[in-house]
Amino acid sequence: MIQAIASEQIFVTNLEEFMSKADKFIKIYYSGISDENHVREMIQELKNLVLDTDLQQLENDYQQSCEIKDLMADYHDSSWY
């Protein structure tokens, strides 16, 4: 069965890509060859990460997940009687 890609998965993928770039930036920075262009590039990557992330959808998905967990907990609590 094929399922749609969830917004969480897109966020995690974007974050993984960003972390890879951040790791390279940190290595360059600590090697001593970093310059202002590298800093600007990293700031732009941060901006891109924010733009690529649908924060509203992540919040909605999180709220829905919490509601489902609460409903399931209520169901299990009431089924003991």
N, C-alpha and C. Protein backbone atom coordinates (compact mmCIF):
# COMPACT_ATOMS: atom_id res chain seq x y z
N MET A 1 0.84 -1.17 0.00
CA MET A 1 0.00 0.00 0.00
C MET A 1 0.89 1.25 0.00
N ILE A 2 0.62 2.14 -0.88
CA ILE A 2 1.39 3.38 -0.99
C ILE A 2 0.72 4.46 -0.16
N GLN A 3 1.54 5.14 0.66
CA GLN A 3 1.00 6.21 1.50
C GLN A 3 1.64 7.53 1.09
N ALA A 4 0.90 8.59 1.29
CA ALA A 4 1.42 9.93 1.01
C ALA A 4 2.55 10.24 1.99
N ILE A 5 3.51 11.02 1.52
CA ILE A 5 4.61 11.43 2.38
C ILE A 5 4.10 12.45 3.37
N ALA A 6 4.31 12.17 4.64
CA ALA A 6 3.83 13.05 5.70
C ALA A 6 4.74 14.27 5.81
N SER A 7 4.17 15.34 6.34
CA SER A 7 4.94 16.56 6.50
C SER A 7 6.11 16.34 7.46
N GLU A 8 5.96 15.42 8.42
CA GLU A 8 7.06 15.12 9.33
C GLU A 8 8.24 14.55 8.57
N GLN A 9 7.96 13.67 7.62
CA GLN A 9 9.04 13.05 6.84
C GLN A 9 9.76 14.08 5.99
N ILE A 10 9.01 15.00 5.41
CA ILE A 10 9.63 16.07 4.62
C ILE A 10 10.52 16.92 5.51
N PHE A 11 10.03 17.24 6.71
CA PHE A 11 10.82 18.03 7.64
C PHE A 11 12.10 17.31 8.03
N VAL A 12 12.00 16.03 8.34
CA VAL A 12 13.17 15.25 8.73
C VAL A 12 14.18 15.18 7.58
N THR A 13 13.70 14.98 6.37
CA THR A 13 14.59 14.94 5.21
C THR A 13 15.30 16.27 5.03
N ASN A 14 14.56 17.36 5.12
CA ASN A 14 15.17 18.69 5.00
C ASN A 14 16.18 18.93 6.11
N LEU A 15 15.85 18.50 7.31
CA LEU A 15 16.74 18.67 8.45
C LEU A 15 18.02 17.86 8.27
N GLU A 16 17.89 16.64 7.78
CA GLU A 16 19.07 15.80 7.52
C GLU A 16 19.99 16.46 6.49
N GLU A 17 19.40 16.99 5.44
CA GLU A 17 20.20 17.67 4.42
C GLU A 17 20.90 18.89 5.01
N PHE A 18 20.18 19.64 5.84
CA PHE A 18 20.77 20.81 6.48
C PHE A 18 21.91 20.39 7.40
N MET A 19 21.72 19.33 8.19
CA MET A 19 22.75 18.88 9.12
C MET A 19 24.02 18.46 8.38
N SER A 20 23.85 17.87 7.23
CA SER A 20 25.00 17.49 6.41
C SER A 20 25.79 18.73 5.99
N LYS A 21 25.07 19.75 5.55
CA LYS A 21 25.72 20.99 5.15
C LYS A 21 26.34 21.69 6.36
N ALA A 22 25.65 21.64 7.50
CA ALA A 22 26.16 22.28 8.71
C ALA A 22 27.44 21.59 9.16
N ASP A 23 27.48 20.26 9.05
CA ASP A 23 28.69 19.52 9.43
C ASP A 23 29.88 19.95 8.58
N LYS A 24 29.67 20.10 7.28
CA LYS A 24 30.74 20.57 6.40
C LYS A 24 31.18 21.98 6.78
N PHE A 25 30.19 22.83 7.09
CA PHE A 25 30.51 24.21 7.48
C PHE A 25 31.35 24.23 8.75
N ILE A 26 30.98 23.42 9.73
CA ILE A 26 31.71 23.38 11.00
C ILE A 26 33.15 22.91 10.78
N LYS A 27 33.32 21.89 9.94
CA LYS A 27 34.68 21.40 9.65
C LYS A 27 35.53 22.49 9.00
N ILE A 28 34.94 23.22 8.06
CA ILE A 28 35.67 24.31 7.40
C ILE A 28 35.98 25.41 8.41
N TYR A 29 35.01 25.73 9.26
CA TYR A 29 35.19 26.79 10.25
C TYR A 29 36.35 26.47 11.18
N TYR A 30 36.39 25.25 11.71
CA TYR A 30 37.43 24.88 12.65
C TYR A 30 38.78 24.61 11.98
N SER A 31 38.78 24.46 10.67
CA SER A 31 40.06 24.28 9.98
C SER A 31 40.78 25.62 9.82
N GLY A 32 40.05 26.71 10.03
CA GLY A 32 40.66 28.03 9.96
C GLY A 32 40.59 28.68 8.60
N ILE A 33 39.98 28.02 7.62
CA ILE A 33 39.89 28.61 6.28
C ILE A 33 38.52 29.21 5.99
N SER A 34 37.70 29.31 7.04
CA SER A 34 36.37 29.88 6.87
C SER A 34 36.48 31.38 6.62
N ASP A 35 35.56 31.87 5.82
CA ASP A 35 35.52 33.31 5.57
C ASP A 35 34.07 33.79 5.63
N GLU A 36 33.88 35.05 5.37
CA GLU A 36 32.55 35.64 5.46
C GLU A 36 31.56 34.98 4.51
N ASN A 37 32.04 34.54 3.35
CA ASN A 37 31.15 33.87 2.39
C ASN A 37 30.60 32.57 2.95
N HIS A 38 31.43 31.83 3.69
CA HIS A 38 30.95 30.58 4.30
C HIS A 38 29.86 30.86 5.32
N VAL A 39 30.03 31.93 6.09
CA VAL A 39 29.02 32.30 7.09
C VAL A 39 27.72 32.69 6.40
N ARG A 40 27.82 33.48 5.35
CA ARG A 40 26.62 33.87 4.60
C ARG A 40 25.92 32.66 4.00
N GLU A 41 26.70 31.73 3.49
CA GLU A 41 26.14 30.51 2.91
C GLU A 41 25.37 29.72 3.96
N MET A 42 25.93 29.61 5.16
CA MET A 42 25.26 28.86 6.22
C MET A 42 23.98 29.57 6.66
N ILE A 43 24.01 30.88 6.75
CA ILE A 43 22.81 31.64 7.11
C ILE A 43 21.73 31.43 6.05
N GLN A 44 22.12 31.41 4.79
CA GLN A 44 21.16 31.17 3.72
C GLN A 44 20.57 29.77 3.82
N GLU A 45 21.39 28.79 4.19
CA GLU A 45 20.88 27.42 4.36
C GLU A 45 19.86 27.36 5.50
N LEU A 46 20.10 28.11 6.56
CA LEU A 46 19.12 28.18 7.66
C LEU A 46 17.81 28.77 7.16
N LYS A 47 17.90 29.83 6.40
CA LYS A 47 16.69 30.45 5.85
C LYS A 47 15.95 29.48 4.94
N ASN A 48 16.70 28.74 4.13
CA ASN A 48 16.08 27.76 3.24
C ASN A 48 15.36 26.67 4.03
N LEU A 49 15.98 26.23 5.13
CA LEU A 49 15.35 25.21 5.96
C LEU A 49 14.01 25.70 6.49
N VAL A 50 13.97 26.93 6.94
CA VAL A 50 12.73 27.50 7.46
C VAL A 50 11.69 27.62 6.34
N LEU A 51 12.12 28.05 5.17
CA LEU A 51 11.18 28.19 4.05
C LEU A 51 10.64 26.86 3.58
N ASP A 52 11.47 25.81 3.66
CA ASP A 52 11.05 24.49 3.20
C ASP A 52 10.17 23.75 4.20
N THR A 53 10.04 24.28 5.39
CA THR A 53 9.30 23.61 6.44
C THR A 53 7.92 24.24 6.59
N ASP A 54 6.92 23.42 6.50
CA ASP A 54 5.54 23.88 6.69
C ASP A 54 5.23 23.75 8.18
N LEU A 55 5.58 24.77 8.93
CA LEU A 55 5.43 24.73 10.38
C LEU A 55 3.98 24.57 10.81
N GLN A 56 3.08 25.19 10.09
CA GLN A 56 1.66 25.09 10.43
C GLN A 56 1.18 23.65 10.28
N GLN A 57 1.60 23.01 9.21
CA GLN A 57 1.19 21.62 9.00
C GLN A 57 1.79 20.70 10.05
N LEU A 58 3.06 20.94 10.41
CA LEU A 58 3.68 20.14 11.48
C LEU A 58 2.91 20.30 12.80
N GLU A 59 2.52 21.53 13.11
CA GLU A 59 1.77 21.79 14.33
C GLU A 59 0.41 21.08 14.28
N ASN A 60 -0.27 21.16 13.15
CA ASN A 60 -1.55 20.48 13.00
C ASN A 60 -1.41 18.97 13.17
N ASP A 61 -0.39 18.40 12.54
CA ASP A 61 -0.15 16.96 12.64
C ASP A 61 0.15 16.55 14.08
N TYR A 62 0.94 17.38 14.77
CA TYR A 62 1.27 17.09 16.16
C TYR A 62 0.02 17.13 17.04
N GLN A 63 -0.81 18.15 16.85
CA GLN A 63 -2.05 18.26 17.63
C GLN A 63 -2.96 17.07 17.38
N GLN A 64 -3.07 16.67 16.14
CA GLN A 64 -3.92 15.53 15.80
C GLN A 64 -3.38 14.26 16.45
N SER A 65 -2.07 14.09 16.41
CA SER A 65 -1.44 12.92 17.04
C SER A 65 -1.70 12.90 18.54
N CYS A 66 -1.60 14.05 19.19
CA CYS A 66 -1.88 14.13 20.63
C CYS A 66 -3.33 13.80 20.93
N GLU A 67 -4.23 14.30 20.12
CA GLU A 67 -5.65 14.03 20.33
C GLU A 67 -5.95 12.54 20.18
N ILE A 68 -5.35 11.92 19.20
CA ILE A 68 -5.56 10.48 19.00
C ILE A 68 -5.02 9.69 20.19
N LYS A 69 -3.83 10.06 20.67
CA LYS A 69 -3.27 9.38 21.84
C LYS A 69 -4.17 9.55 23.06
N ASP A 70 -4.69 10.77 23.24
CA ASP A 70 -5.58 11.02 24.37
C ASP A 70 -6.86 10.19 24.26
N LEU A 71 -7.43 10.14 23.07
CA LEU A 71 -8.65 9.34 22.87
C LEU A 71 -8.39 7.86 23.11
N MET A 72 -7.26 7.38 22.64
CA MET A 72 -6.91 5.96 22.85
C MET A 72 -6.69 5.67 24.33
N ALA A 73 -6.05 6.60 25.03
CA ALA A 73 -5.84 6.43 26.47
C ALA A 73 -7.18 6.42 27.20
N ASP A 74 -8.08 7.32 26.83
CA ASP A 74 -9.41 7.35 27.44
C ASP A 74 -10.17 6.05 27.17
N TYR A 75 -10.05 5.56 25.95
CA TYR A 75 -10.72 4.31 25.58
C TYR A 75 -10.20 3.16 26.42
N HIS A 76 -8.88 3.07 26.54
CA HIS A 76 -8.30 1.98 27.32
C HIS A 76 -8.63 2.11 28.80
N ASP A 77 -8.66 3.33 29.32
CA ASP A 77 -9.03 3.53 30.72
C ASP A 77 -10.46 3.11 30.99
N SER A 78 -11.35 3.43 30.06
CA SER A 78 -12.77 3.10 30.26
C SER A 78 -13.05 1.62 30.00
N SER A 79 -12.21 0.96 29.26
CA SER A 79 -12.48 -0.45 28.93
C SER A 79 -12.10 -1.38 30.07
N TRP A 80 -11.44 -0.90 31.07
CA TRP A 80 -11.08 -1.75 32.21
C TRP A 80 -12.27 -2.03 33.11
N TYR A 81 -13.33 -1.26 32.96
CA TYR A 81 -14.48 -1.42 33.84
C TYR A 81 -15.54 -2.27 33.24
